[in-house]
PDB file of N, CA and C in Angstrom:
ATOM      1  N   MET A   1       0.841  -1.175   0.000  1.00  0.00           N
ATOM      2  CA  MET A   1       0.000   0.000   0.000  1.00  0.00           C
ATOM      3  C   MET A   1       0.888   1.240   0.000  1.00  0.00           C
ATOM      4  N   ASN A   2       0.616   2.189  -0.876  1.00  0.00           N
ATOM      5  CA  ASN A   2       1.390   3.418  -0.986  1.00  0.00           C
ATOM      6  C   ASN A   2       0.787   4.470  -0.056  1.00  0.00           C
ATOM      7  N   MET A   3       1.585   4.984   0.890  1.00  0.00           N
ATOM      8  CA  MET A   3       1.105   5.945   1.883  1.00  0.00           C
ATOM      9  C   MET A   3       1.689   7.330   1.634  1.00  0.00           C
ATOM     10  N   ARG A   4       1.673   7.791   0.395  1.00  0.00           N
ATOM     11  CA  ARG A   4       2.196   9.118   0.074  1.00  0.00           C
ATOM     12  C   ARG A   4       1.315  10.181   0.704  1.00  0.00           C
ATOM     13  N   PRO A   5       1.930  11.304   1.171  1.00  0.00           N
ATOM     14  CA  PRO A   5       1.113  12.381   1.734  1.00  0.00           C
ATOM     15  C   PRO A   5       0.259  13.024   0.656  1.00  0.00           C
ATOM     16  N   ALA A   6      -0.857  13.570   1.088  1.00  0.00           N
ATOM     17  CA  ALA A   6      -1.738  14.278   0.161  1.00  0.00           C
ATOM     18  C   ALA A   6      -0.980  15.459  -0.433  1.00  0.00           C
ATOM     19  N   ALA A   7      -1.334  15.827  -1.640  1.00  0.00           N
ATOM     20  CA  ALA A   7      -0.648  16.947  -2.297  1.00  0.00           C
ATOM     21  C   ALA A   7      -1.624  18.076  -2.555  1.00  0.00           C
ATOM     22  N   HIS A   8      -1.158  19.264  -2.380  1.00  0.00           N
ATOM     23  CA  HIS A   8      -1.905  20.477  -2.713  1.00  0.00           C
ATOM     24  C   HIS A   8      -2.023  20.510  -4.233  1.00  0.00           C
ATOM     25  N   PRO A   9      -3.073  21.111  -4.780  1.00  0.00           N
ATOM     26  CA  PRO A   9      -3.214  21.153  -6.237  1.00  0.00           C
ATOM     27  C   PRO A   9      -1.976  21.686  -6.960  1.00  0.00           C
ATOM     28  N   ALA A  10      -1.206  22.559  -6.331  1.00  0.00           N
ATOM     29  CA  ALA A  10      -0.010  23.098  -6.976  1.00  0.00           C
ATOM     30  C   ALA A  10       1.168  22.133  -6.859  1.00  0.00           C
ATOM     31  N   GLY A  11       0.947  20.969  -6.261  1.00  0.00           N
ATOM     32  CA  GLY A  11       2.002  19.975  -6.133  1.00  0.00           C
ATOM     33  C   GLY A  11       2.758  20.030  -4.822  1.00  0.00           C
ATOM     34  N   HIS A  12       2.411  20.966  -3.935  1.00  0.00           N
ATOM     35  CA  HIS A  12       3.068  21.062  -2.640  1.00  0.00           C
ATOM     36  C   HIS A  12       2.425  20.075  -1.668  1.00  0.00           C
ATOM     37  N   PRO A  13       3.213  19.459  -0.782  1.00  0.00           N
ATOM     38  CA  PRO A  13       2.611  18.535   0.182  1.00  0.00           C
ATOM     39  C   PRO A  13       1.712  19.282   1.165  1.00  0.00           C
ATOM     40  N   VAL A  14       0.660  18.621   1.605  1.00  0.00           N
ATOM     41  CA  VAL A  14      -0.270  19.174   2.567  1.00  0.00           C
ATOM     42  C   VAL A  14       0.075  18.595   3.930  1.00  0.00           C
ATOM     43  N   ALA A  15       0.203  19.449   4.937  1.00  0.00           N
ATOM     44  CA  ALA A  15       0.534  18.986   6.281  1.00  0.00           C
ATOM     45  C   ALA A  15      -0.619  18.156   6.830  1.00  0.00           C
ATOM     46  N   GLN A  16      -0.295  17.046   7.410  1.00  0.00           N
ATOM     47  CA  GLN A  16      -1.268  16.190   8.065  1.00  0.00           C
ATOM     48  C   GLN A  16      -1.343  16.599   9.532  1.00  0.00           C
ATOM     49  N   PRO A  17      -2.458  16.343  10.229  1.00  0.00           N
ATOM     50  CA  PRO A  17      -2.585  16.772  11.620  1.00  0.00           C
ATOM     51  C   PRO A  17      -1.431  16.326  12.506  1.00  0.00           C
ATOM     52  N   ALA A  18      -0.965  15.118  12.360  1.00  0.00           N
ATOM     53  CA  ALA A  18       0.146  14.639  13.187  1.00  0.00           C
ATOM     54  C   ALA A  18       1.434  15.390  12.874  1.00  0.00           C
ATOM     55  N   ASP A  19       1.604  15.851  11.623  1.00  0.00           N
ATOM     56  CA  ASP A  19       2.803  16.592  11.241  1.00  0.00           C
ATOM     57  C   ASP A  19       2.904  17.920  11.996  1.00  0.00           C
ATOM     58  N   ILE A  20       1.780  18.541  12.262  1.00  0.00           N
ATOM     59  CA  ILE A  20       1.774  19.838  12.928  1.00  0.00           C
ATOM     60  C   ILE A  20       2.289  19.712  14.356  1.00  0.00           C
ATOM     61  N   LEU A  21       2.042  18.587  14.996  1.00  0.00           N
ATOM     62  CA  LEU A  21       2.485  18.386  16.370  1.00  0.00           C
ATOM     63  C   LEU A  21       3.926  17.895  16.466  1.00  0.00           C
ATOM     64  N   ALA A  22       4.524  17.503  15.351  1.00  0.00           N
ATOM     65  CA  ALA A  22       5.900  17.000  15.373  1.00  0.00           C
ATOM     66  C   ALA A  22       6.867  18.132  15.715  1.00  0.00           C
ATOM     67  N   PRO A  23       7.865  17.876  16.601  1.00  0.00           N
ATOM     68  CA  PRO A  23       8.808  18.933  16.999  1.00  0.00           C
ATOM     69  C   PRO A  23       9.533  19.582  15.827  1.00  0.00           C
ATOM     70  N   ASN A  24       9.871  18.835  14.784  1.00  0.00           N
ATOM     71  CA  ASN A  24      10.610  19.438  13.662  1.00  0.00           C
ATOM     72  C   ASN A  24       9.753  20.372  12.826  1.00  0.00           C
ATOM     73  N   ALA A  25       8.430  20.348  12.989  1.00  0.00           N
ATOM     74  CA  ALA A  25       7.549  21.241  12.233  1.00  0.00           C
ATOM     75  C   ALA A  25       7.676  22.684  12.708  1.00  0.00           C
ATOM     76  N   TRP A  26       8.193  22.898  13.893  1.00  0.00           N
ATOM     77  CA  TRP A  26       8.293  24.228  14.484  1.00  0.00           C
ATOM     78  C   TRP A  26       9.740  24.555  14.836  1.00  0.00           C
ATOM     79  N   GLY A  27      10.673  24.159  14.022  1.00  0.00           N
ATOM     80  CA  GLY A  27      12.072  24.474  14.278  1.00  0.00           C
ATOM     81  C   GLY A  27      12.613  23.791  15.515  1.00  0.00           C
ATOM     82  N   GLY A  28      12.194  22.570  15.768  1.00  0.00           N
ATOM     83  CA  GLY A  28      12.672  21.821  16.931  1.00  0.00           C
ATOM     84  C   GLY A  28      11.806  21.992  18.164  1.00  0.00           C
ATOM     85  N   MET A  29      10.767  22.804  18.067  1.00  0.00           N
ATOM     86  CA  MET A  29       9.872  23.022  19.208  1.00  0.00           C
ATOM     87  C   MET A  29       8.585  22.230  19.019  1.00  0.00           C
ATOM     88  N   SER A  30       8.018  21.745  20.115  1.00  0.00           N
ATOM     89  CA  SER A  30       6.718  21.093  20.024  1.00  0.00           C
ATOM     90  C   SER A  30       5.653  22.169  19.807  1.00  0.00           C
ATOM     91  N   PHE A  31       4.489  21.772  19.375  1.00  0.00           N
ATOM     92  CA  PHE A  31       3.382  22.708  19.170  1.00  0.00           C
ATOM     93  C   PHE A  31       3.069  23.446  20.472  1.00  0.00           C
ATOM     94  N   GLN A  32       3.040  22.707  21.573  1.00  0.00           N
ATOM     95  CA  GLN A  32       2.733  23.304  22.864  1.00  0.00           C
ATOM     96  C   GLN A  32       3.800  24.329  23.262  1.00  0.00           C
ATOM     97  N   GLU A  33       5.076  24.025  23.009  1.00  0.00           N
ATOM     98  CA  GLU A  33       6.149  24.978  23.306  1.00  0.00           C
ATOM     99  C   GLU A  33       6.004  26.234  22.443  1.00  0.00           C
ATOM    100  N   ARG A  34       5.644  26.054  21.194  1.00  0.00           N
ATOM    101  CA  ARG A  34       5.477  27.192  20.280  1.00  0.00           C
ATOM    102  C   ARG A  34       4.332  28.085  20.745  1.00  0.00           C
ATOM    103  N   MET A  35       3.224  27.491  21.170  1.00  0.00           N
ATOM    104  CA  MET A  35       2.091  28.276  21.653  1.00  0.00           C
ATOM    105  C   MET A  35       2.463  29.048  22.920  1.00  0.00           C
ATOM    106  N   ALA A  36       3.371  28.503  23.717  1.00  0.00           N
ATOM    107  CA  ALA A  36       3.808  29.187  24.939  1.00  0.00           C
ATOM    108  C   ALA A  36       4.618  30.447  24.623  1.00  0.00           C
ATOM    109  N   THR A  37       5.116  30.593  23.383  1.00  0.00           N
ATOM    110  CA  THR A  37       5.876  31.784  23.012  1.00  0.00           C
ATOM    111  C   THR A  37       4.969  32.920  22.552  1.00  0.00           C
ATOM    112  N   ALA A  38       3.677  32.675  22.475  1.00  0.00           N
ATOM    113  CA  ALA A  38       2.749  33.680  21.961  1.00  0.00           C
ATOM    114  C   ALA A  38       2.650  34.871  22.907  1.00  0.00           C
ATOM    115  N   GLU A  39       2.679  36.052  22.313  1.00  0.00           N
ATOM    116  CA  GLU A  39       2.464  37.296  23.043  1.00  0.00           C
ATOM    117  C   GLU A  39       1.215  37.926  22.445  1.00  0.00           C
ATOM    118  N   PHE A  40       0.322  38.380  23.295  1.00  0.00           N
ATOM    119  CA  PHE A  40      -0.924  38.974  22.829  1.00  0.00           C
ATOM    120  C   PHE A  40      -0.880  40.479  23.069  1.00  0.00           C
ATOM    121  N   ARG A  41      -0.872  41.242  21.988  1.00  0.00           N
ATOM    122  CA  ARG A  41      -0.871  42.706  22.053  1.00  0.00           C
ATOM    123  C   ARG A  41      -2.314  43.166  21.851  1.00  0.00           C
ATOM    124  N   ILE A  42      -2.947  43.486  22.936  1.00  0.00           N
ATOM    125  CA  ILE A  42      -4.380  43.747  22.949  1.00  0.00           C
ATOM    126  C   ILE A  42      -4.692  45.177  22.516  1.00  0.00           C
ATOM    127  N   HIS A  43      -5.600  45.297  21.581  1.00  0.00           N
ATOM    128  CA  HIS A  43      -6.103  46.597  21.132  1.00  0.00           C
ATOM    129  C   HIS A  43      -7.415  46.858  21.874  1.00  0.00           C
ATOM    130  N   HIS A  44      -7.749  48.106  22.107  1.00  0.00           N
ATOM    131  CA  HIS A  44      -8.982  48.417  22.825  1.00  0.00           C
ATOM    132  C   HIS A  44     -10.233  48.063  22.013  1.00  0.00           C
ATOM    133  N   GLN A  45     -10.106  47.975  20.700  1.00  0.00           N
ATOM    134  CA  GLN A  45     -11.216  47.546  19.849  1.00  0.00           C
ATOM    135  C   GLN A  45     -11.038  46.060  19.513  1.00  0.00           C
ATOM    136  N   PRO A  46     -11.965  45.201  19.901  1.00  0.00           N
ATOM    137  CA  PRO A  46     -11.815  43.770  19.576  1.00  0.00           C
ATOM    138  C   PRO A  46     -11.849  43.522  18.064  1.00  0.00           C
ATOM    139  N   HIS A  47     -11.039  42.588  17.596  1.00  0.00           N
ATOM    140  CA  HIS A  47     -11.032  42.250  16.170  1.00  0.00           C
ATOM    141  C   HIS A  47     -12.125  41.246  15.822  1.00  0.00           C
ATOM    142  N   ILE A  48     -12.702  40.637  16.833  1.00  0.00           N
ATOM    143  CA  ILE A  48     -13.840  39.739  16.642  1.00  0.00           C
ATOM    144  C   ILE A  48     -14.958  40.218  17.557  1.00  0.00           C
ATOM    145  N   VAL A  49     -16.148  40.342  16.987  1.00  0.00           N
ATOM    146  CA  VAL A  49     -17.317  40.710  17.770  1.00  0.00           C
ATOM    147  C   VAL A  49     -18.346  39.601  17.590  1.00  0.00           C
ATOM    148  N   VAL A  50     -18.857  39.102  18.704  1.00  0.00           N
ATOM    149  CA  VAL A  50     -19.868  38.052  18.673  1.00  0.00           C
ATOM    150  C   VAL A  50     -21.190  38.638  19.136  1.00  0.00           C
ATOM    151  N   ASP A  51     -22.205  38.484  18.316  1.00  0.00           N
ATOM    152  CA  ASP A  51     -23.557  38.925  18.656  1.00  0.00           C
ATOM    153  C   ASP A  51     -24.257  37.762  19.341  1.00  0.00           C
ATOM    154  N   GLY A  52     -24.244  37.784  20.668  1.00  0.00           N
ATOM    155  CA  GLY A  52     -24.829  36.695  21.452  1.00  0.00           C
ATOM    156  C   GLY A  52     -26.288  36.443  21.150  1.00  0.00           C
ATOM    157  N   ARG A  53     -27.020  37.492  20.746  1.00  0.00           N
ATOM    158  CA  ARG A  53     -28.442  37.308  20.396  1.00  0.00           C
ATOM    159  C   ARG A  53     -28.582  36.414  19.176  1.00  0.00           C
ATOM    160  N   ALA A  54     -27.664  36.548  18.224  1.00  0.00           N
ATOM    161  CA  ALA A  54     -27.721  35.698  17.027  1.00  0.00           C
ATOM    162  C   ALA A  54     -27.406  34.248  17.372  1.00  0.00           C
ATOM    163  N   CYS A  55     -26.720  34.028  18.494  1.00  0.00           N
ATOM    164  CA  CYS A  55     -26.341  32.674  18.908  1.00  0.00           C
ATOM    165  C   CYS A  55     -27.463  31.937  19.639  1.00  0.00           C
ATOM    166  N   GLU A  56     -28.433  32.693  20.132  1.00  0.00           N
ATOM    167  CA  GLU A  56     -29.531  32.075  20.867  1.00  0.00           C
ATOM    168  C   GLU A  56     -30.246  31.061  19.977  1.00  0.00           C
ATOM    169  N   GLY A  57     -30.452  29.906  20.516  1.00  0.00           N
ATOM    170  CA  GLY A  57     -31.133  28.854  19.776  1.00  0.00           C
ATOM    171  C   GLY A  57     -30.229  28.034  18.879  1.00  0.00           C
ATOM    172  N   CYS A  58     -28.953  28.381  18.798  1.00  0.00           N
ATOM    173  CA  CYS A  58     -28.026  27.589  17.991  1.00  0.00           C
ATOM    174  C   CYS A  58     -27.828  26.245  18.677  1.00  0.00           C
ATOM    175  N   SER A  59     -28.100  25.185  17.977  1.00  0.00           N
ATOM    176  CA  SER A  59     -27.996  23.857  18.581  1.00  0.00           C
ATOM    177  C   SER A  59     -26.651  23.187  18.333  1.00  0.00           C
ATOM    178  N   THR A  60     -25.873  23.696  17.398  1.00  0.00           N
ATOM    179  CA  THR A  60     -24.616  23.021  17.061  1.00  0.00           C
ATOM    180  C   THR A  60     -23.420  23.561  17.816  1.00  0.00           C
ATOM    181  N   ARG A  61     -23.371  24.853  18.075  1.00  0.00           N
ATOM    182  CA  ARG A  61     -22.298  25.479  18.858  1.00  0.00           C
ATOM    183  C   ARG A  61     -20.903  25.137  18.347  1.00  0.00           C
ATOM    184  N   GLU A  62     -20.720  25.197  17.024  1.00  0.00           N
ATOM    185  CA  GLU A  62     -19.430  24.864  16.435  1.00  0.00           C
ATOM    186  C   GLU A  62     -18.299  25.729  16.959  1.00  0.00           C
ATOM    187  N   CYS A  63     -18.566  27.005  17.231  1.00  0.00           N
ATOM    188  CA  CYS A  63     -17.507  27.914  17.696  1.00  0.00           C
ATOM    189  C   CYS A  63     -16.899  27.438  19.010  1.00  0.00           C
ATOM    190  N   ILE A  64     -17.729  26.919  19.905  1.00  0.00           N
ATOM    191  CA  ILE A  64     -17.236  26.443  21.201  1.00  0.00           C
ATOM    192  C   ILE A  64     -16.289  25.271  21.003  1.00  0.00           C
ATOM    193  N   VAL A  65     -16.650  24.363  20.133  1.00  0.00           N
ATOM    194  CA  VAL A  65     -15.848  23.169  19.888  1.00  0.00           C
ATOM    195  C   VAL A  65     -14.611  23.483  19.055  1.00  0.00           C
ATOM    196  N   ALA A  66     -14.741  24.369  18.068  1.00  0.00           N
ATOM    197  CA  ALA A  66     -13.671  24.588  17.093  1.00  0.00           C
ATOM    198  C   ALA A  66     -12.574  25.537  17.563  1.00  0.00           C
ATOM    199  N   CYS A  67     -12.851  26.441  18.464  1.00  0.00           N
ATOM    200  CA  CYS A  67     -11.858  27.435  18.873  1.00  0.00           C
ATOM    201  C   CYS A  67     -10.690  26.766  19.589  1.00  0.00           C
ATOM    202  N   PRO A  68      -9.472  26.846  19.023  1.00  0.00           N
ATOM    203  CA  PRO A  68      -8.330  26.179  19.651  1.00  0.00           C
ATOM    204  C   PRO A  68      -7.913  26.817  20.977  1.00  0.00           C
ATOM    205  N   ALA A  69      -8.333  28.053  21.218  1.00  0.00           N
ATOM    206  CA  ALA A  69      -7.982  28.728  22.468  1.00  0.00           C
ATOM    207  C   ALA A  69      -9.109  28.654  23.501  1.00  0.00           C
ATOM    208  N   ASN A  70     -10.210  28.000  23.167  1.00  0.00           N
ATOM    209  CA  ASN A  70     -11.358  27.841  24.072  1.00  0.00           C
ATOM    210  C   ASN A  70     -11.877  29.185  24.587  1.00  0.00           C
ATOM    211  N   LEU A  71     -12.097  30.118  23.666  1.00  0.00           N
ATOM    212  CA  LEU A  71     -12.502  31.459  24.055  1.00  0.00           C
ATOM    213  C   LEU A  71     -14.008  31.691  24.009  1.00  0.00           C
ATOM    214  N   PHE A  72     -14.772  30.721  23.554  1.00  0.00           N
ATOM    215  CA  PHE A  72     -16.225  30.847  23.495  1.00  0.00           C
ATOM    216  C   PHE A  72     -16.840  30.079  24.659  1.00  0.00           C
ATOM    217  N   VAL A  73     -17.697  30.765  25.426  1.00  0.00           N
ATOM    218  CA  VAL A  73     -18.321  30.155  26.606  1.00  0.00           C
ATOM    219  C   VAL A  73     -19.829  30.305  26.477  1.00  0.00           C
ATOM    220  N   PRO A  74     -20.561  29.186  26.571  1.00  0.00           N
ATOM    221  CA  PRO A  74     -22.020  29.286  26.493  1.00  0.00           C
ATOM    222  C   PRO A  74     -22.577  29.894  27.786  1.00  0.00           C
ATOM    223  N   THR A  75     -23.647  30.661  27.653  1.00  0.00           N
ATOM    224  CA  THR A  75     -24.315  31.234  28.819  1.00  0.00           C
ATOM    225  C   THR A  75     -25.578  30.441  29.120  1.00  0.00           C
ATOM    226  N   SER A  76     -26.075  30.593  30.328  1.00  0.00           N
ATOM    227  CA  SER A  76     -27.254  29.827  30.741  1.00  0.00           C
ATOM    228  C   SER A  76     -28.508  30.220  29.954  1.00  0.00           C
ATOM    229  N   ASP A  77     -28.516  31.420  29.371  1.00  0.00           N
ATOM    230  CA  ASP A  77     -29.686  31.855  28.605  1.00  0.00           C
ATOM    231  C   ASP A  77     -29.600  31.501  27.118  1.00  0.00           C
ATOM    232  N   GLY A  78     -28.582  30.710  26.729  1.00  0.00           N
ATOM    233  CA  GLY A  78     -28.454  30.267  25.345  1.00  0.00           C
ATOM    234  C   GLY A  78     -27.535  31.112  24.486  1.00  0.00           C
ATOM    235  N   GLY A  79     -26.977  32.163  25.048  1.00  0.00           N
ATOM    236  CA  GLY A  79     -26.064  33.021  24.300  1.00  0.00           C
ATOM    237  C   GLY A  79     -24.624  32.536  24.390  1.00  0.00           C
ATOM    238  N   ILE A  80     -23.714  33.384  23.949  1.00  0.00           N
ATOM    239  CA  ILE A  80     -22.277  33.075  23.935  1.00  0.00           C
ATOM    240  C   ILE A  80     -21.527  34.279  24.486  1.00  0.00           C
ATOM    241  N   VAL A  81     -20.521  34.023  25.297  1.00  0.00           N
ATOM    242  CA  VAL A  81     -19.603  35.063  25.739  1.00  0.00           C
ATOM    243  C   VAL A  81     -18.275  34.770  25.066  1.00  0.00           C
ATOM    244  N   PHE A  82     -17.663  35.790  24.479  1.00  0.00           N
ATOM    245  CA  PHE A  82     -16.391  35.621  23.786  1.00  0.00           C
ATOM    246  C   PHE A  82     -15.367  36.583  24.368  1.00  0.00           C
ATOM    247  N   ASN A  83     -14.148  36.100  24.604  1.00  0.00           N
ATOM    248  CA  ASN A  83     -13.060  36.898  25.142  1.00  0.00           C
ATOM    249  C   ASN A  83     -11.947  36.939  24.103  1.00  0.00           C
ATOM    250  N   HIS A  84     -11.761  38.075  23.425  1.00  0.00           N
ATOM    251  CA  HIS A  84     -10.821  38.164  22.297  1.00  0.00           C
ATOM    252  C   HIS A  84      -9.354  38.288  22.703  1.00  0.00           C
ATOM    253  N   GLU A  85      -9.060  38.538  23.972  1.00  0.00           N
ATOM    254  CA  GLU A  85      -7.699  38.866  24.385  1.00  0.00           C
ATOM    255  C   GLU A  85      -6.671  37.759  24.142  1.00  0.00           C
ATOM    256  N   GLN A  86      -7.061  36.519  24.123  1.00  0.00           N
ATOM    257  CA  GLN A  86      -6.122  35.410  23.923  1.00  0.00           C
ATOM    258  C   GLN A  86      -6.357  34.693  22.589  1.00  0.00           C
ATOM    259  N   CYS A  87      -6.904  35.407  21.617  1.00  0.00           N
ATOM    260  CA  CYS A  87      -7.257  34.828  20.322  1.00  0.00           C
ATOM    261  C   CYS A  87      -6.019  34.621  19.450  1.00  0.00           C
ATOM    262  N   PHE A  88      -5.927  33.469  18.803  1.00  0.00           N
ATOM    263  CA  PHE A  88      -4.829  33.154  17.887  1.00  0.00           C
ATOM    264  C   PHE A  88      -5.060  33.707  16.483  1.00  0.00           C
ATOM    265  N   GLU A  89      -6.227  34.318  16.234  1.00  0.00           N
ATOM    266  CA  GLU A  89      -6.555  34.925  14.941  1.00  0.00           C
ATOM    267  C   GLU A  89      -6.607  33.918  13.791  1.00  0.00           C
ATOM    268  N   CYS A  90      -7.008  32.706  14.086  1.00  0.00           N
ATOM    269  CA  CYS A  90      -7.043  31.679  13.040  1.00  0.00           C
ATOM    270  C   CYS A  90      -8.282  31.789  12.153  1.00  0.00           C
ATOM    271  N   GLY A  91      -9.360  32.398  12.654  1.00  0.00           N
ATOM    272  CA  GLY A  91     -10.582  32.556  11.869  1.00  0.00           C
ATOM    273  C   GLY A  91     -11.482  31.338  11.862  1.00  0.00           C
ATOM    274  N   THR A  92     -11.136  30.316  12.629  1.00  0.00           N
ATOM    275  CA  THR A  92     -11.931  29.089  12.642  1.00  0.00           C
ATOM    276  C   THR A  92     -13.364  29.357  13.082  1.00  0.00           C
ATOM    277  N   CYS A  93     -13.549  30.181  14.091  1.00  0.00           N
ATOM    278  CA  CYS A  93     -14.901  30.480  14.577  1.00  0.00           C
ATOM    279  C   CYS A  93     -15.769  31.058  13.464  1.00  0.00           C
ATOM    280  N   TYR A  94     -15.200  31.965  12.709  1.00  0.00           N
ATOM    281  CA  TYR A  94     -15.928  32.610  11.614  1.00  0.00           C
ATOM    282  C   TYR A  94     -16.292  31.598  10.528  1.00  0.00           C
ATOM    283  N   LEU A  95     -15.377  30.681  10.266  1.00  0.00           N
ATOM    284  CA  LEU A  95     -15.615  29.694   9.206  1.00  0.00           C
ATOM    285  C   LEU A  95     -16.674  28.662   9.579  1.00  0.00           C
ATOM    286  N   VAL A  96     -16.729  28.263  10.850  1.00  0.00           N
ATOM    287  CA  VAL A  96     -17.652  27.191  11.236  1.00  0.00           C
ATOM    288  C   VAL A  96     -19.029  27.693  11.653  1.00  0.00           C
ATOM    289  N   CYS A  97     -19.156  28.977  11.930  1.00  0.00           N
ATOM    290  CA  CYS A  97     -20.443  29.517  12.391  1.00  0.00           C
ATOM    291  C   CYS A  97     -21.474  29.462  11.271  1.00  0.00           C
ATOM    292  N   ASN A  98     -22.655  28.948  11.611  1.00  0.00           N
ATOM    293  CA  ASN A  98     -23.710  28.852  10.602  1.00  0.00           C
ATOM    294  C   ASN A  98     -24.828  29.873  10.830  1.00  0.00           C
ATOM    295  N   ARG A  99     -24.591  30.845  11.693  1.00  0.00           N
ATOM    296  CA  ARG A  99     -25.577  31.891  11.959  1.00  0.00           C
ATOM    297  C   ARG A  99     -25.156  33.196  11.296  1.00  0.00           C
ATOM    298  N   GLU A 100     -25.945  33.678  10.395  1.00  0.00           N
ATOM    299  CA  GLU A 100     -25.651  34.931   9.678  1.00  0.00           C
ATOM    300  C   GLU A 100     -25.505  36.086  10.660  1.00  0.00           C
ATOM    301  N   GLY A 101     -24.363  36.775  10.599  1.00  0.00           N
ATOM    302  CA  GLY A 101     -24.129  37.942  11.433  1.00  0.00           C
ATOM    303  C   GLY A 101     -23.736  37.675  12.864  1.00  0.00           C
ATOM    304  N   ALA A 102     -23.600  36.423  13.255  1.00  0.00           N
ATOM    305  CA  ALA A 102     -23.254  36.123  14.647  1.00  0.00           C
ATOM    306  C   ALA A 102     -21.817  36.516  14.962  1.00  0.00           C
ATOM    307  N   ILE A 103     -20.899  36.326  14.018  1.00  0.00           N
ATOM    308  CA  ILE A 103     -19.490  36.644  14.241  1.00  0.00           C
ATOM    309  C   ILE A 103     -19.012  37.614  13.172  1.00  0.00           C
ATOM    310  N   THR A 104     -18.451  38.722  13.625  1.00  0.00           N
ATOM    311  CA  THR A 104     -17.807  39.676  12.734  1.00  0.00           C
ATOM    312  C   THR A 104     -16.321  39.590  13.016  1.00  0.00           C
ATOM    313  N   TRP A 105     -15.524  39.229  12.016  1.00  0.00           N
ATOM    314  CA  TRP A 105     -14.087  38.972  12.192  1.00  0.00           C
ATOM    315  C   TRP A 105     -13.291  39.881  11.281  1.00  0.00           C
ATOM    316  N   ASN A 106     -12.303  40.548  11.851  1.00  0.00           N
ATOM    317  CA  ASN A 106     -11.380  41.395  11.101  1.00  0.00           C
ATOM    318  C   ASN A 106      -9.972  41.159  11.636  1.00  0.00           C
ATOM    319  N   TYR A 107      -8.975  41.494  10.859  1.00  0.00           N
ATOM    320  CA  TYR A 107      -7.611  41.457  11.382  1.00  0.00           C
ATOM    321  C   TYR A 107      -7.457  42.565  12.415  1.00  0.00           C
ATOM    322  N   PRO A 108      -6.664  42.347  13.471  1.00  0.00           N
ATOM    323  CA  PRO A 108      -6.428  43.409  14.449  1.00  0.00           C
ATOM    324  C   PRO A 108      -5.699  44.591  13.818  1.00  0.00           C
ATOM    325  N   GLU A 109      -5.823  45.751  14.440  1.00  0.00           N
ATOM    326  CA  GLU A 109      -5.094  46.934  14.010  1.00  0.00           C
ATOM    327  C   GLU A 109      -3.605  46.621  13.971  1.00  0.00           C
ATOM    328  N   GLY A 110      -2.870  47.276  13.092  1.00  0.00           N
ATOM    329  CA  GLY A 110      -1.433  47.061  12.970  1.00  0.00           C
ATOM    330  C   GLY A 110      -0.708  47.189  14.305  1.00  0.00           C
ATOM    331  N   GLY A 111       0.203  46.261  14.559  1.00  0.00           N
ATOM    332  CA  GLY A 111       0.962  46.260  15.804  1.00  0.00           C
ATOM    333  C   GLY A 111       0.260  45.566  16.953  1.00  0.00           C
ATOM    334  N   HIS A 112      -0.958  45.084  16.703  1.00  0.00           N
ATOM    335  CA  HIS A 112      -1.737  44.399  17.740  1.00  0.00           C
ATOM    336  C   HIS A 112      -2.036  42.972  17.307  1.00  0.00           C
ATOM    337  N   GLY A 113      -2.488  42.171  18.249  1.00  0.00           N
ATOM    338  CA  GLY A 113      -2.847  40.794  17.965  1.00  0.00           C
ATOM    339  C   GLY A 113      -1.800  39.836  18.496  1.00  0.00           C
ATOM    340  N   VAL A 114      -1.841  38.618  18.004  1.00  0.00           N
ATOM    341  CA  VAL A 114      -0.937  37.578  18.480  1.00  0.00           C
ATOM    342  C   VAL A 114       0.410  37.698  17.775  1.00  0.00           C
ATOM    343  N   VAL A 115       1.480  37.533  18.551  1.00  0.00           N
ATOM    344  CA  VAL A 115       2.853  37.572  18.011  1.00  0.00           C
ATOM    345  C   VAL A 115       3.558  36.325  18.529  1.00  0.00           C
ATOM    346  N   PHE A 116       4.138  35.563  17.616  1.00  0.00           N
ATOM    347  CA  PHE A 116       4.909  34.385  18.007  1.00  0.00           C
ATOM    348  C   PHE A 116       6.380  34.738  17.988  1.00  0.00           C
ATOM    349  N   ARG A 117       7.056  34.494  19.079  1.00  0.00           N
ATOM    350  CA  ARG A 117       8.480  34.762  19.166  1.00  0.00           C
ATOM    351  C   ARG A 117       9.252  33.504  18.805  1.00  0.00           C
ATOM    352  N   ARG A 118      10.372  33.715  18.197  1.00  0.00           N
ATOM    353  CA  ARG A 118      11.278  32.603  17.910  1.00  0.00           C
ATOM    354  C   ARG A 118      12.335  32.599  19.013  1.00  0.00           C
ATOM    355  N   THR A 119      12.425  31.499  19.740  1.00  0.00           N
ATOM    356  CA  THR A 119      13.353  31.449  20.866  1.00  0.00           C
ATOM    357  C   THR A 119      14.572  30.617  20.558  1.00  0.00           C
TER     358      THR A 119
END
């Protein structure tokens, strides 16, 4: 059986989930070590705004499950509380949300947002 990695349409290899966690994928650092180097430069205007009213009645709650930083918290009244200060800016929440207008996502202002240091 041939176990070649999947290829991007342009012929470049596509990273597999296990590859991302491998220490050599991050210059000898594990994924967890790399995330520990993150610095969050917080702007007073959030780059993501969640309209909790639009979340009411959502039965799938993809944002809660998909956010790698666990920044979405369900409320007892069916809404969502979101804390942007530790956001990795991956956009996953915006991509998985199936409620029109529930999430407004923009890049942070210049000089703000997540910064990964090379140690």
